[in-house]
């Protein structure tokens, strides 16, 4: 994975943003479970789709938007597999001009598409965006499997979280005003807490518990200022 931000469960991904559980992707944004895709955004469960926006369970599409369960389409029109291969070959011909042409196709597709107000799915009482399988969350963004997550960004398997960045992977619970918490419980005012519990004002702690004002400890217990 190269030149990308927030990748979870990916392989062979380059220049992507918030792409999870995907393989062989380039310049993709906010996607889940996609394969061999280039220049797509807000796409889920798709394969061999390029320069497209908001597709669900589609394959072999170019310059399409707001489609579900579609295959072999270009600019939202049905085409034959042979036509798809010819169009794909003209865009992916190994030249910078072909790539720029594809980027232009995406820009036109994005501008003409119908846009959802939010991209939240399977959510109950949620205010935010890009929240999946969540409930009772307010001002929450880019998260999965969250409950009672508020004013937080980027979480996966988090419960009772407030004012946090990157909590979860695996479950985090009772986290307040902290950044990058993994498998931790009852954390407050901390940075980089991995599988810890009962920490306050700590930084870079691993498998530690009941600590206050400590930095860089491993398997520590009942420590104050290291």
Protein backbone atom coordinates (compact mmCIF):
# COMPACT_ATOMS: atom_id res chain seq x y z
CA UNK A 1 0.00 0.00 0.00
CA UNK A 2 1.53 3.32 -1.07
CA UNK A 3 0.66 7.01 -0.79
CA UNK A 4 -2.70 6.30 0.81
CA UNK A 5 -4.65 7.30 3.91
CA UNK A 6 -6.59 5.07 6.26
CA UNK A 7 -6.41 1.65 4.66
CA UNK A 8 -7.92 -1.36 6.47
CA UNK A 9 -7.62 -4.87 5.04
CA UNK A 10 -6.21 -3.80 1.67
CA UNK A 11 -3.65 -5.22 -0.74
CA UNK A 12 -1.89 -3.57 -3.70
CA UNK A 13 -3.50 -0.16 -3.26
CA UNK A 14 -1.94 3.14 -4.41
CA UNK A 15 -3.03 6.78 -4.05
CA UNK A 16 -6.27 5.96 -2.23
CA UNK A 17 -8.27 7.54 0.59
CA UNK A 18 -10.51 5.64 3.02
CA UNK A 19 -10.60 2.43 1.00
CA UNK A 20 -11.17 -0.78 2.98
CA UNK A 21 -11.04 -4.51 2.24
CA UNK A 22 -10.01 -3.90 -1.36
CA UNK A 23 -7.37 -5.12 -3.81
CA UNK A 24 -5.61 -3.69 -6.87
CA UNK A 25 -7.00 -0.15 -6.68
CA UNK A 26 -5.68 3.23 -7.78
CA UNK A 27 -6.96 6.73 -6.99
CA UNK A 28 -10.10 5.53 -5.21
CA UNK A 29 -11.95 7.33 -2.40
CA UNK A 30 -14.43 6.18 0.26
CA UNK A 31 -14.87 2.65 -1.05
CA UNK A 32 -15.43 -0.77 0.46
CA UNK A 33 -14.72 -4.22 -0.96
CA UNK A 34 -13.68 -3.23 -4.48
CA UNK A 35 -11.35 -5.08 -6.84
CA UNK A 36 -9.34 -3.83 -9.83
CA UNK A 37 -10.86 -0.35 -9.77
CA UNK A 38 -9.37 2.99 -10.85
CA UNK A 39 -10.65 6.48 -10.09
CA UNK A 40 -13.90 5.56 -8.34
CA UNK A 41 -15.60 7.16 -5.35
CA UNK A 42 -18.33 5.94 -2.98
CA UNK A 43 -18.37 2.47 -4.52
CA UNK A 44 -19.13 -0.77 -2.69
CA UNK A 45 -18.77 -4.41 -3.69
CA UNK A 46 -17.58 -3.52 -7.18
CA UNK A 47 -15.13 -5.08 -9.61
CA UNK A 48 -13.39 -3.66 -12.65
CA UNK A 49 -15.16 -0.29 -12.41
CA UNK A 50 -13.36 2.89 -13.45
CA UNK A 51 -13.91 6.64 -13.17
CA UNK A 52 -17.36 6.12 -11.63
CA UNK A 53 -19.32 7.45 -8.66
CA UNK A 54 -21.74 5.81 -6.19
CA UNK A 55 -21.96 2.27 -7.53
CA UNK A 56 -23.26 -0.73 -5.59
CA UNK A 57 -22.46 -4.34 -6.53
CA UNK A 58 -21.45 -3.46 -10.09
CA UNK A 59 -18.76 -4.79 -12.38
CA UNK A 60 -17.16 -3.65 -15.63
CA UNK A 61 -18.45 -0.06 -15.64
CA UNK A 62 -16.80 3.13 -16.91
CA UNK A 63 -18.02 6.69 -16.31
CA UNK A 64 -21.16 5.58 -14.48
CA UNK A 65 -23.01 6.90 -11.44
CA UNK A 66 -25.82 5.83 -9.11
CA UNK A 67 -26.08 2.28 -10.41
CA UNK A 68 -26.74 -0.94 -8.50
CA UNK A 69 -26.23 -4.52 -9.66
CA UNK A 70 -25.18 -3.34 -13.12
CA UNK A 71 -22.59 -4.81 -15.43
CA UNK A 72 -20.92 -3.72 -18.66
CA UNK A 73 -22.06 -0.12 -18.70
CA UNK A 74 -20.46 3.08 -19.98
CA UNK A 75 -21.87 6.48 -19.08
CA UNK A 76 -24.90 4.70 -17.57
CA UNK A 77 -25.67 2.96 -20.87
CA UNK A 78 -25.51 -0.78 -21.49
CA UNK A 79 -22.65 -1.90 -23.71
CA UNK A 80 -21.25 -5.22 -24.84
CA UNK A 81 -18.20 -6.83 -23.23
CA UNK A 82 -16.26 -6.18 -26.44
CA UNK A 83 -17.15 -2.48 -26.34
CA UNK A 84 -16.08 -2.32 -22.71
CA UNK A 85 -12.71 -3.86 -23.55
CA UNK A 86 -12.14 -1.37 -26.38
CA UNK A 87 -13.00 1.63 -24.19
CA UNK A 88 -10.90 0.29 -21.33
CA UNK A 89 -7.94 -0.27 -23.64
CA UNK A 90 -8.14 3.31 -24.92
CA UNK A 91 -8.01 4.69 -21.38
CA UNK A 92 -5.42 2.29 -19.95
CA UNK A 93 -2.96 2.44 -22.80
CA UNK A 94 0.07 3.15 -20.65
CA UNK A 95 0.13 6.88 -21.39
CA UNK A 96 -0.44 9.91 -19.18
CA UNK A 97 -2.95 11.18 -21.74
CA UNK A 98 -5.15 8.12 -21.27
CA UNK A 99 -5.17 8.57 -17.50
CA UNK A 100 -5.98 12.28 -17.79
CA UNK A 101 -8.84 11.42 -20.13
CA UNK A 102 -10.19 9.04 -17.51
CA UNK A 103 -9.92 11.70 -14.82
CA UNK A 104 -11.91 14.03 -17.05
CA UNK A 105 -14.57 11.35 -17.41
CA UNK A 106 -14.83 11.06 -13.63
CA UNK A 107 -15.11 14.84 -13.19
CA UNK A 108 -17.97 15.01 -15.68
CA UNK A 109 -19.65 11.96 -14.12
CA UNK A 110 -19.34 13.36 -10.59
CA UNK A 111 -20.70 16.77 -11.53
CA UNK A 112 -23.75 15.37 -13.31
CA UNK A 113 -24.56 12.68 -10.73
CA UNK A 114 -27.29 12.76 -8.13
CA UNK A 115 -25.58 13.17 -4.74
CA UNK A 116 -26.83 11.71 -1.51
CA UNK A 117 -26.90 14.09 1.43
CA UNK A 118 -24.95 11.53 3.49
CA UNK A 119 -23.33 8.16 2.82
CA UNK A 120 -24.42 6.44 6.02
CA UNK A 121 -25.84 2.91 5.92
CA UNK A 122 -27.44 0.62 8.51
CA UNK A 123 -27.56 3.43 11.04
CA UNK A 124 -29.99 4.40 13.78
CA UNK A 125 -30.10 7.87 15.33
CA UNK A 126 -26.87 8.95 13.64
CA UNK A 127 -25.83 12.49 12.68
CA UNK A 128 -22.65 12.57 10.60
CA UNK A 129 -21.39 10.89 7.46
CA UNK A 130 -19.77 7.65 6.33
CA UNK A 131 -21.03 5.76 9.37
CA UNK A 132 -21.87 2.09 8.87
CA UNK A 133 -23.64 -0.24 11.29
CA UNK A 134 -23.81 2.49 13.93
CA UNK A 135 -26.36 3.73 16.44
CA UNK A 136 -26.80 6.74 18.72
CA UNK A 137 -23.92 8.76 17.25
CA UNK A 138 -23.74 12.54 16.86
CA UNK A 139 -21.23 14.41 14.71
CA UNK A 140 -19.49 11.13 13.93
CA UNK A 141 -17.59 10.55 10.71
CA UNK A 142 -15.83 7.66 8.95
CA UNK A 143 -16.73 4.85 11.31
CA UNK A 144 -17.91 1.27 11.55
CA UNK A 145 -19.79 -0.64 14.24
CA UNK A 146 -20.02 2.30 16.62
CA UNK A 147 -22.44 2.95 19.45
CA UNK A 148 -22.73 6.21 21.41
CA UNK A 149 -19.84 7.78 19.53
CA UNK A 150 -19.97 11.57 19.55
CA UNK A 151 -17.88 14.35 18.00
CA UNK A 152 -15.35 11.83 16.74
CA UNK A 153 -13.65 10.90 13.50
CA UNK A 154 -12.47 7.51 12.26
CA UNK A 155 -13.57 4.62 14.48
CA UNK A 156 -14.11 0.91 14.15
CA UNK A 157 -15.86 -1.06 16.86
CA UNK A 158 -16.17 1.77 19.39
CA UNK A 159 -18.61 2.35 22.22
CA UNK A 160 -19.09 5.34 24.52
CA UNK A 161 -16.50 7.51 22.76
CA UNK A 162 -16.38 11.32 22.88
CA UNK A 163 -14.05 13.82 21.18
CA UNK A 164 -11.70 11.19 19.76
CA UNK A 165 -9.76 10.43 16.64
CA UNK A 166 -9.20 6.82 15.56
CA UNK A 167 -10.70 4.63 18.27
CA UNK A 168 -11.18 0.89 17.81
CA UNK A 169 -9.68 -1.91 15.70
CA UNK A 170 -10.45 -3.85 17.88
CA UNK A 171 -13.13 -2.65 20.28
CA UNK A 172 -12.54 0.48 22.34
CA UNK A 173 -14.89 1.57 25.09
CA UNK A 174 -15.15 4.60 27.37
CA UNK A 175 -12.61 6.77 25.56
CA UNK A 176 -12.53 10.57 25.99
CA UNK A 177 -10.51 13.19 24.15
CA UNK A 178 -7.87 10.77 22.92
CA UNK A 179 -6.20 9.88 19.62
CA UNK A 180 -5.35 6.44 18.22
CA UNK A 181 -6.72 4.01 20.78
CA UNK A 182 -6.61 0.29 20.03
CA UNK A 183 -8.40 -2.32 22.09
CA UNK A 184 -8.47 -0.02 25.11
CA UNK A 185 -10.97 0.79 27.85
CA UNK A 186 -11.45 3.79 30.11
CA UNK A 187 -8.92 6.09 28.42
CA UNK A 188 -8.79 9.86 28.81
CA UNK A 189 -6.47 12.54 27.35
CA UNK A 190 -4.14 9.99 25.80
CA UNK A 191 -2.25 9.43 22.56
CA UNK A 192 -1.44 6.01 21.09
CA UNK A 193 -2.89 3.61 23.64
CA UNK A 194 -2.67 -0.02 22.60
CA UNK A 195 -4.62 -2.63 24.61
CA UNK A 196 -4.61 -0.54 27.76
CA UNK A 197 -7.09 0.29 30.49
CA UNK A 198 -7.56 3.07 33.03
CA UNK A 199 -5.10 5.63 31.64
CA UNK A 200 -5.05 9.41 32.01
CA UNK A 201 -2.69 11.87 30.28
CA UNK A 202 -0.48 9.15 28.79
CA UNK A 203 1.34 8.77 25.50
CA UNK A 204 2.57 5.71 23.58
CA UNK A 205 1.46 3.05 26.05
CA UNK A 206 1.13 -0.66 25.32
CA UNK A 207 -0.67 -3.32 27.38
CA UNK A 208 -0.63 -1.12 30.46
CA UNK A 209 -3.22 -0.26 33.07
CA UNK A 210 -3.90 2.16 35.90
CA UNK A 211 -1.34 4.80 34.85
CA UNK A 212 -1.26 8.60 35.03
CA UNK A 213 1.05 10.96 33.15
CA UNK A 214 3.26 8.23 31.71
CA UNK A 215 5.02 7.89 28.37
CA UNK A 216 6.29 4.88 26.42
CA UNK A 217 5.62 2.08 28.91
CA UNK A 218 4.91 -1.57 28.15
CA UNK A 219 3.01 -3.94 30.43
CA UNK A 220 3.10 -1.38 33.22
CA UNK A 221 0.69 -1.19 36.16
CA UNK A 222 -0.04 1.43 38.79
CA UNK A 223 2.46 4.03 37.53
CA UNK A 224 2.49 7.82 37.92
CA UNK A 225 4.89 9.93 35.80
CA UNK A 226 6.68 6.71 34.78
